């Protein structure tokens, strides 16, 4: 079975994103609120993210809105962690 993130253009819902990154839904909401996670490709009551954006995020190519912070993504599939590192 092909991993959804490896498809050229595939959209994933919040629960799929959480599962893929190994984080909880409240953590996803907090990251979004703090500007540390990409805005959804399809906004609304049931936001969706494109696999391309998620691939950039996991690879560390996506940058948060704040210039003073970087993110570190480790693990995945239920064992992941996203940490914020200050660039001071």
PDB file of N, CA and C in Angstrom:
ATOM      1  N   UNK A   1       0.842  -1.186   0.000  1.00  0.00           N
ATOM      2  CA  UNK A   1       0.000   0.000   0.000  1.00  0.00           C
ATOM      3  C   UNK A   1       0.883   1.244   0.000  1.00  0.00           C
ATOM      4  N   UNK A   2       0.525   2.226  -0.792  1.00  0.00           N
ATOM      5  CA  UNK A   2       1.289   3.462  -0.896  1.00  0.00           C
ATOM      6  C   UNK A   2       0.928   4.387   0.259  1.00  0.00           C
ATOM      7  N   UNK A   3       1.950   4.951   0.905  1.00  0.00           N
ATOM      8  CA  UNK A   3       1.754   5.930   1.964  1.00  0.00           C
ATOM      9  C   UNK A   3       1.115   7.171   1.340  1.00  0.00           C
ATOM     10  N   UNK A   4       0.008   7.696   1.904  1.00  0.00           N
ATOM     11  CA  UNK A   4      -0.651   8.857   1.314  1.00  0.00           C
ATOM     12  C   UNK A   4       0.264  10.054   1.100  1.00  0.00           C
ATOM     13  N   UNK A   5       1.254  10.228   1.954  1.00  0.00           N
ATOM     14  CA  UNK A   5       2.144  11.383   1.821  1.00  0.00           C
ATOM     15  C   UNK A   5       3.040  11.255   0.588  1.00  0.00           C
ATOM     16  N   UNK A   6       3.192  10.044   0.081  1.00  0.00           N
ATOM     17  CA  UNK A   6       4.035   9.823  -1.093  1.00  0.00           C
ATOM     18  C   UNK A   6       3.290  10.000  -2.416  1.00  0.00           C
ATOM     19  N   UNK A   7       2.001  10.204  -2.384  1.00  0.00           N
ATOM     20  CA  UNK A   7       1.230  10.433  -3.604  1.00  0.00           C
ATOM     21  C   UNK A   7       1.473  11.856  -4.081  1.00  0.00           C
ATOM     22  N   UNK A   8       1.430  12.092  -5.396  1.00  0.00           N
ATOM     23  CA  UNK A   8       1.734  13.428  -5.939  1.00  0.00           C
ATOM     24  C   UNK A   8       0.853  14.534  -5.359  1.00  0.00           C
ATOM     25  N   UNK A   9      -0.443  14.356  -5.361  1.00  0.00           N
ATOM     26  CA  UNK A   9      -1.327  15.342  -4.732  1.00  0.00           C
ATOM     27  C   UNK A   9      -2.463  14.580  -4.104  1.00  0.00           C
ATOM     28  N   UNK A  10      -2.439  14.549  -2.807  1.00  0.00           N
ATOM     29  CA  UNK A  10      -3.422  13.815  -2.029  1.00  0.00           C
ATOM     30  C   UNK A  10      -3.731  14.683  -0.830  1.00  0.00           C
ATOM     31  N   UNK A  11      -4.977  14.779  -0.433  1.00  0.00           N
ATOM     32  CA  UNK A  11      -5.317  15.593   0.728  1.00  0.00           C
ATOM     33  C   UNK A  11      -5.670  14.702   1.906  1.00  0.00           C
ATOM     34  N   UNK A  12      -5.228  15.138   3.077  1.00  0.00           N
ATOM     35  CA  UNK A  12      -5.462  14.386   4.305  1.00  0.00           C
ATOM     36  C   UNK A  12      -6.192  15.270   5.308  1.00  0.00           C
ATOM     37  N   UNK A  13      -7.115  14.672   6.038  1.00  0.00           N
ATOM     38  CA  UNK A  13      -7.831  15.369   7.092  1.00  0.00           C
ATOM     39  C   UNK A  13      -7.001  15.459   8.356  1.00  0.00           C
ATOM     40  N   UNK A  14      -7.532  16.177   9.331  1.00  0.00           N
ATOM     41  CA  UNK A  14      -6.802  16.411  10.581  1.00  0.00           C
ATOM     42  C   UNK A  14      -6.436  15.111  11.281  1.00  0.00           C
ATOM     43  N   UNK A  15      -7.366  14.151  11.348  1.00  0.00           N
ATOM     44  CA  UNK A  15      -7.070  12.898  12.039  1.00  0.00           C
ATOM     45  C   UNK A  15      -5.964  12.132  11.325  1.00  0.00           C
ATOM     46  N   UNK A  16      -5.981  12.137   9.987  1.00  0.00           N
ATOM     47  CA  UNK A  16      -4.916  11.471   9.226  1.00  0.00           C
ATOM     48  C   UNK A  16      -3.572  12.152   9.449  1.00  0.00           C
ATOM     49  N   UNK A  17      -3.585  13.476   9.504  1.00  0.00           N
ATOM     50  CA  UNK A  17      -2.347  14.229   9.758  1.00  0.00           C
ATOM     51  C   UNK A  17      -1.796  13.876  11.136  1.00  0.00           C
ATOM     52  N   UNK A  18      -2.676  13.831  12.131  1.00  0.00           N
ATOM     53  CA  UNK A  18      -2.243  13.482  13.488  1.00  0.00           C
ATOM     54  C   UNK A  18      -1.641  12.084  13.527  1.00  0.00           C
ATOM     55  N   UNK A  19      -2.280  11.141  12.870  1.00  0.00           N
ATOM     56  CA  UNK A  19      -1.777   9.764  12.836  1.00  0.00           C
ATOM     57  C   UNK A  19      -0.427   9.710  12.136  1.00  0.00           C
ATOM     58  N   UNK A  20      -0.325  10.395  11.014  1.00  0.00           N
ATOM     59  CA  UNK A  20       0.914  10.401  10.239  1.00  0.00           C
ATOM     60  C   UNK A  20       2.078  10.973  11.051  1.00  0.00           C
ATOM     61  N   UNK A  21       1.824  12.054  11.791  1.00  0.00           N
ATOM     62  CA  UNK A  21       2.878  12.721  12.560  1.00  0.00           C
ATOM     63  C   UNK A  21       3.053  12.161  13.963  1.00  0.00           C
ATOM     64  N   UNK A  22       2.108  11.343  14.392  1.00  0.00           N
ATOM     65  CA  UNK A  22       2.201  10.780  15.735  1.00  0.00           C
ATOM     66  C   UNK A  22       1.920  11.797  16.819  1.00  0.00           C
ATOM     67  N   UNK A  23       0.974  12.711  16.551  1.00  0.00           N
ATOM     68  CA  UNK A  23       0.612  13.735  17.532  1.00  0.00           C
ATOM     69  C   UNK A  23      -0.887  13.662  17.789  1.00  0.00           C
ATOM     70  N   UNK A  24      -1.326  14.299  18.859  1.00  0.00           N
ATOM     71  CA  UNK A  24      -2.749  14.335  19.177  1.00  0.00           C
ATOM     72  C   UNK A  24      -3.411  15.512  18.454  1.00  0.00           C
ATOM     73  N   UNK A  25      -4.740  15.454  18.386  1.00  0.00           N
ATOM     74  CA  UNK A  25      -5.480  16.548  17.756  1.00  0.00           C
ATOM     75  C   UNK A  25      -5.272  17.873  18.499  1.00  0.00           C
ATOM     76  N   UNK A  26      -5.311  17.891  19.844  1.00  0.00           N
ATOM     77  CA  UNK A  26      -5.035  19.153  20.545  1.00  0.00           C
ATOM     78  C   UNK A  26      -3.645  19.717  20.222  1.00  0.00           C
ATOM     79  N   UNK A  27      -2.663  18.847  20.027  1.00  0.00           N
ATOM     80  CA  UNK A  27      -1.319  19.312  19.665  1.00  0.00           C
ATOM     81  C   UNK A  27      -1.347  19.950  18.281  1.00  0.00           C
ATOM     82  N   UNK A  28      -2.056  19.338  17.341  1.00  0.00           N
ATOM     83  CA  UNK A  28      -2.186  19.916  16.004  1.00  0.00           C
ATOM     84  C   UNK A  28      -2.834  21.294  16.083  1.00  0.00           C
ATOM     85  N   UNK A  29      -3.893  21.413  16.872  1.00  0.00           N
ATOM     86  CA  UNK A  29      -4.577  22.697  17.034  1.00  0.00           C
ATOM     87  C   UNK A  29      -3.642  23.742  17.636  1.00  0.00           C
ATOM     88  N   UNK A  30      -2.863  23.345  18.637  1.00  0.00           N
ATOM     89  CA  UNK A  30      -1.924  24.283  19.283  1.00  0.00           C
ATOM     90  C   UNK A  30      -0.868  24.749  18.282  1.00  0.00           C
ATOM     91  N   UNK A  31      -0.316  23.816  17.526  1.00  0.00           N
ATOM     92  CA  UNK A  31       0.697  24.178  16.527  1.00  0.00           C
ATOM     93  C   UNK A  31       0.127  25.139  15.497  1.00  0.00           C
ATOM     94  N   UNK A  32      -1.095  24.903  15.067  1.00  0.00           N
ATOM     95  CA  UNK A  32      -1.744  25.808  14.099  1.00  0.00           C
ATOM     96  C   UNK A  32      -1.943  27.190  14.711  1.00  0.00           C
ATOM     97  N   UNK A  33      -2.441  27.211  15.947  1.00  0.00           N
ATOM     98  CA  UNK A  33      -2.712  28.483  16.633  1.00  0.00           C
ATOM     99  C   UNK A  33      -1.438  29.299  16.810  1.00  0.00           C
ATOM    100  N   UNK A  34      -0.320  28.622  17.076  1.00  0.00           N
ATOM    101  CA  UNK A  34       0.955  29.299  17.296  1.00  0.00           C
ATOM    102  C   UNK A  34       1.697  29.593  15.994  1.00  0.00           C
ATOM    103  N   UNK A  35       1.118  29.219  14.853  1.00  0.00           N
ATOM    104  CA  UNK A  35       1.762  29.481  13.565  1.00  0.00           C
ATOM    105  C   UNK A  35       2.916  28.549  13.277  1.00  0.00           C
ATOM    106  N   UNK A  36       2.949  27.392  13.939  1.00  0.00           N
ATOM    107  CA  UNK A  36       4.050  26.450  13.788  1.00  0.00           C
ATOM    108  C   UNK A  36       3.703  25.273  12.872  1.00  0.00           C
ATOM    109  N   UNK A  37       2.549  25.334  12.242  1.00  0.00           N
ATOM    110  CA  UNK A  37       2.120  24.277  11.326  1.00  0.00           C
ATOM    111  C   UNK A  37       1.475  24.942  10.115  1.00  0.00           C
ATOM    112  N   UNK A  38       1.672  24.387   8.936  1.00  0.00           N
ATOM    113  CA  UNK A  38       1.102  25.003   7.731  1.00  0.00           C
ATOM    114  C   UNK A  38      -0.419  25.131   7.806  1.00  0.00           C
ATOM    115  N   UNK A  39      -0.920  26.191   7.225  1.00  0.00           N
ATOM    116  CA  UNK A  39      -2.363  26.361   7.114  1.00  0.00           C
ATOM    117  C   UNK A  39      -2.897  25.291   6.165  1.00  0.00           C
ATOM    118  N   UNK A  40      -4.132  24.851   6.376  1.00  0.00           N
ATOM    119  CA  UNK A  40      -4.676  23.810   5.510  1.00  0.00           C
ATOM    120  C   UNK A  40      -4.806  24.276   4.059  1.00  0.00           C
ATOM    121  N   UNK A  41      -4.602  23.346   3.148  1.00  0.00           N
ATOM    122  CA  UNK A  41      -4.772  23.620   1.724  1.00  0.00           C
ATOM    123  C   UNK A  41      -6.239  23.892   1.436  1.00  0.00           C
ATOM    124  N   UNK A  42      -7.118  23.157   2.101  1.00  0.00           N
ATOM    125  CA  UNK A  42      -8.559  23.349   1.980  1.00  0.00           C
ATOM    126  C   UNK A  42      -9.068  23.692   3.378  1.00  0.00           C
ATOM    127  N   UNK A  43      -9.293  24.992   3.669  1.00  0.00           N
ATOM    128  CA  UNK A  43      -9.751  25.397   5.004  1.00  0.00           C
ATOM    129  C   UNK A  43     -11.238  25.092   5.193  1.00  0.00           C
ATOM    130  N   UNK A  44     -11.714  25.261   6.397  1.00  0.00           N
ATOM    131  CA  UNK A  44     -13.129  25.067   6.693  1.00  0.00           C
ATOM    132  C   UNK A  44     -13.323  24.258   7.957  1.00  0.00           C
ATOM    133  N   UNK A  45     -14.539  23.768   8.127  1.00  0.00           N
ATOM    134  CA  UNK A  45     -14.845  22.977   9.326  1.00  0.00           C
ATOM    135  C   UNK A  45     -14.074  21.675   9.355  1.00  0.00           C
ATOM    136  N   UNK A  46     -13.776  21.130   8.177  1.00  0.00           N
ATOM    137  CA  UNK A  46     -12.987  19.905   8.076  1.00  0.00           C
ATOM    138  C   UNK A  46     -11.767  20.197   7.208  1.00  0.00           C
ATOM    139  N   UNK A  47     -10.756  20.832   7.810  1.00  0.00           N
ATOM    140  CA  UNK A  47      -9.585  21.237   7.028  1.00  0.00           C
ATOM    141  C   UNK A  47      -8.852  20.044   6.432  1.00  0.00           C
ATOM    142  N   UNK A  48      -8.200  20.291   5.302  1.00  0.00           N
ATOM    143  CA  UNK A  48      -7.428  19.255   4.608  1.00  0.00           C
ATOM    144  C   UNK A  48      -6.074  19.838   4.223  1.00  0.00           C
ATOM    145  N   UNK A  49      -5.037  19.014   4.345  1.00  0.00           N
ATOM    146  CA  UNK A  49      -3.689  19.410   3.966  1.00  0.00           C
ATOM    147  C   UNK A  49      -3.236  18.563   2.789  1.00  0.00           C
ATOM    148  N   UNK A  50      -2.531  19.176   1.858  1.00  0.00           N
ATOM    149  CA  UNK A  50      -2.018  18.413   0.720  1.00  0.00           C
ATOM    150  C   UNK A  50      -0.799  17.612   1.149  1.00  0.00           C
ATOM    151  N   UNK A  51      -0.606  16.489   0.504  1.00  0.00           N
ATOM    152  CA  UNK A  51       0.543  15.645   0.814  1.00  0.00           C
ATOM    153  C   UNK A  51       1.850  16.383   0.535  1.00  0.00           C
ATOM    154  N   UNK A  52       1.842  17.282  -0.444  1.00  0.00           N
ATOM    155  CA  UNK A  52       3.046  18.048  -0.784  1.00  0.00           C
ATOM    156  C   UNK A  52       3.464  18.940   0.376  1.00  0.00           C
ATOM    157  N   UNK A  53       2.508  19.642   0.964  1.00  0.00           N
ATOM    158  CA  UNK A  53       2.790  20.531   2.099  1.00  0.00           C
ATOM    159  C   UNK A  53       3.268  19.718   3.298  1.00  0.00           C
ATOM    160  N   UNK A  54       2.622  18.593   3.550  1.00  0.00           N
ATOM    161  CA  UNK A  54       3.017  17.758   4.679  1.00  0.00           C
ATOM    162  C   UNK A  54       4.412  17.174   4.475  1.00  0.00           C
ATOM    163  N   UNK A  55       4.726  16.809   3.245  1.00  0.00           N
ATOM    164  CA  UNK A  55       6.056  16.277   2.949  1.00  0.00           C
ATOM    165  C   UNK A  55       7.122  17.332   3.234  1.00  0.00           C
ATOM    166  N   UNK A  56       6.848  18.600   2.852  1.00  0.00           N
ATOM    167  CA  UNK A  56       7.781  19.700   3.140  1.00  0.00           C
ATOM    168  C   UNK A  56       7.917  19.898   4.643  1.00  0.00           C
ATOM    169  N   UNK A  57       6.811  19.809   5.367  1.00  0.00           N
ATOM    170  CA  UNK A  57       6.836  19.991   6.814  1.00  0.00           C
ATOM    171  C   UNK A  57       7.693  18.912   7.474  1.00  0.00           C
ATOM    172  N   UNK A  58       7.463  17.654   7.107  1.00  0.00           N
ATOM    173  CA  UNK A  58       8.206  16.537   7.696  1.00  0.00           C
ATOM    174  C   UNK A  58       9.689  16.621   7.347  1.00  0.00           C
ATOM    175  N   UNK A  59       9.991  17.065   6.122  1.00  0.00           N
ATOM    176  CA  UNK A  59      11.390  17.171   5.684  1.00  0.00           C
ATOM    177  C   UNK A  59      12.093  18.387   6.286  1.00  0.00           C
ATOM    178  N   UNK A  60      11.353  19.244   6.977  1.00  0.00           N
ATOM    179  CA  UNK A  60      11.954  20.427   7.583  1.00  0.00           C
ATOM    180  C   UNK A  60      12.115  21.589   6.625  1.00  0.00           C
ATOM    181  N   UNK A  61      11.466  21.525   5.468  1.00  0.00           N
ATOM    182  CA  UNK A  61      11.578  22.606   4.485  1.00  0.00           C
ATOM    183  C   UNK A  61      10.539  23.701   4.707  1.00  0.00           C
ATOM    184  N   UNK A  62       9.495  23.403   5.463  1.00  0.00           N
ATOM    185  CA  UNK A  62       8.488  24.409   5.768  1.00  0.00           C
ATOM    186  C   UNK A  62       8.953  25.197   6.972  1.00  0.00           C
ATOM    187  N   UNK A  63       8.800  26.501   6.925  1.00  0.00           N
ATOM    188  CA  UNK A  63       9.238  27.371   8.027  1.00  0.00           C
ATOM    189  C   UNK A  63       8.034  28.037   8.680  1.00  0.00           C
ATOM    190  N   UNK A  64       8.042  28.107  10.013  1.00  0.00           N
ATOM    191  CA  UNK A  64       6.951  28.783  10.716  1.00  0.00           C
ATOM    192  C   UNK A  64       6.957  30.273  10.435  1.00  0.00           C
ATOM    193  N   UNK A  65       5.851  30.917  10.777  1.00  0.00           N
ATOM    194  CA  UNK A  65       5.714  32.361  10.560  1.00  0.00           C
ATOM    195  C   UNK A  65       6.753  33.153  11.331  1.00  0.00           C
ATOM    196  N   UNK A  66       7.118  32.681  12.506  1.00  0.00           N
ATOM    197  CA  UNK A  66       8.080  33.381  13.342  1.00  0.00           C
ATOM    198  C   UNK A  66       9.501  33.112  12.857  1.00  0.00           C
ATOM    199  N   UNK A  67      10.276  34.156  12.687  1.00  0.00           N
ATOM    200  CA  UNK A  67      11.667  34.017  12.256  1.00  0.00           C
ATOM    201  C   UNK A  67      12.550  33.482  13.382  1.00  0.00           C
ATOM    202  N   UNK A  68      12.059  33.577  14.626  1.00  0.00           N
ATOM    203  CA  UNK A  68      12.897  33.210  15.770  1.00  0.00           C
ATOM    204  C   UNK A  68      12.713  31.763  16.220  1.00  0.00           C
ATOM    205  N   UNK A  69      11.988  30.968  15.435  1.00  0.00           N
ATOM    206  CA  UNK A  69      11.757  29.596  15.860  1.00  0.00           C
ATOM    207  C   UNK A  69      11.927  28.637  14.696  1.00  0.00           C
ATOM    208  N   UNK A  70      12.410  27.461  15.013  1.00  0.00           N
ATOM    209  CA  UNK A  70      12.461  26.382  14.039  1.00  0.00           C
ATOM    210  C   UNK A  70      11.832  25.156  14.689  1.00  0.00           C
ATOM    211  N   UNK A  71      11.436  24.223  13.880  1.00  0.00           N
ATOM    212  CA  UNK A  71      10.793  23.022  14.387  1.00  0.00           C
ATOM    213  C   UNK A  71      11.650  21.812  14.121  1.00  0.00           C
ATOM    214  N   UNK A  72      11.540  20.861  14.994  1.00  0.00           N
ATOM    215  CA  UNK A  72      12.219  19.589  14.816  1.00  0.00           C
ATOM    216  C   UNK A  72      11.155  18.500  14.853  1.00  0.00           C
ATOM    217  N   UNK A  73      11.051  17.723  13.777  1.00  0.00           N
ATOM    218  CA  UNK A  73      10.065  16.648  13.684  1.00  0.00           C
ATOM    219  C   UNK A  73      10.803  15.327  13.783  1.00  0.00           C
ATOM    220  N   UNK A  74      10.392  14.499  14.730  1.00  0.00           N
ATOM    221  CA  UNK A  74      11.019  13.190  14.882  1.00  0.00           C
ATOM    222  C   UNK A  74       9.945  12.123  14.978  1.00  0.00           C
ATOM    223  N   UNK A  75      10.299  10.915  14.606  1.00  0.00           N
ATOM    224  CA  UNK A  75       9.388   9.790  14.740  1.00  0.00           C
ATOM    225  C   UNK A  75       8.277   9.810  13.725  1.00  0.00           C
ATOM    226  N   UNK A  76       7.104   9.426  14.144  1.00  0.00           N
ATOM    227  CA  UNK A  76       5.943   9.346  13.278  1.00  0.00           C
ATOM    228  C   UNK A  76       5.157   8.097  13.601  1.00  0.00           C
ATOM    229  N   UNK A  77       4.013   7.962  12.995  1.00  0.00           N
ATOM    230  CA  UNK A  77       3.142   6.801  13.176  1.00  0.00           C
ATOM    231  C   UNK A  77       2.907   6.487  14.658  1.00  0.00           C
ATOM    232  N   UNK A  78       2.502   7.502  15.415  1.00  0.00           N
ATOM    233  CA  UNK A  78       2.173   7.295  16.813  1.00  0.00           C
ATOM    234  C   UNK A  78       3.322   7.488  17.784  1.00  0.00           C
ATOM    235  N   UNK A  79       4.515   7.726  17.275  1.00  0.00           N
ATOM    236  CA  UNK A  79       5.670   7.881  18.156  1.00  0.00           C
ATOM    237  C   UNK A  79       6.409   9.175  17.883  1.00  0.00           C
ATOM    238  N   UNK A  80       5.743  10.118  17.274  1.00  0.00           N
ATOM    239  CA  UNK A  80       6.419  11.340  16.847  1.00  0.00           C
ATOM    240  C   UNK A  80       6.446  12.413  17.899  1.00  0.00           C
ATOM    241  N   UNK A  81       7.280  13.386  17.641  1.00  0.00           N
ATOM    242  CA  UNK A  81       7.373  14.549  18.502  1.00  0.00           C
ATOM    243  C   UNK A  81       7.723  15.752  17.644  1.00  0.00           C
ATOM    244  N   UNK A  82       7.077  16.849  17.930  1.00  0.00           N
ATOM    245  CA  UNK A  82       7.380  18.102  17.243  1.00  0.00           C
ATOM    246  C   UNK A  82       7.799  19.079  18.323  1.00  0.00           C
ATOM    247  N   UNK A  83       9.006  19.536  18.244  1.00  0.00           N
ATOM    248  CA  UNK A  83       9.512  20.444  19.263  1.00  0.00           C
ATOM    249  C   UNK A  83       9.890  21.774  18.629  1.00  0.00           C
ATOM    250  N   UNK A  84       9.771  22.815  19.410  1.00  0.00           N
ATOM    251  CA  UNK A  84      10.107  24.160  18.968  1.00  0.00           C
ATOM    252  C   UNK A  84      11.455  24.520  19.564  1.00  0.00           C
ATOM    253  N   UNK A  85      12.340  24.985  18.688  1.00  0.00           N
ATOM    254  CA  UNK A  85      13.672  25.386  19.135  1.00  0.00           C
ATOM    255  C   UNK A  85      13.847  26.860  18.839  1.00  0.00           C
ATOM    256  N   UNK A  86      14.216  27.629  19.833  1.00  0.00           N
ATOM    257  CA  UNK A  86      14.459  29.052  19.631  1.00  0.00           C
ATOM    258  C   UNK A  86      15.798  29.266  18.968  1.00  0.00           C
ATOM    259  N   UNK A  87      15.853  30.256  18.082  1.00  0.00           N
ATOM    260  CA  UNK A  87      17.105  30.575  17.376  1.00  0.00           C
ATOM    261  C   UNK A  87      17.739  31.797  18.015  1.00  0.00           C
ATOM    262  N   UNK A  88      18.000  31.713  19.321  1.00  0.00           N
ATOM    263  CA  UNK A  88      18.579  32.854  20.040  1.00  0.00           C
ATOM    264  C   UNK A  88      20.064  32.732  20.148  1.00  0.00           C
TER     265      UNK A  88
END
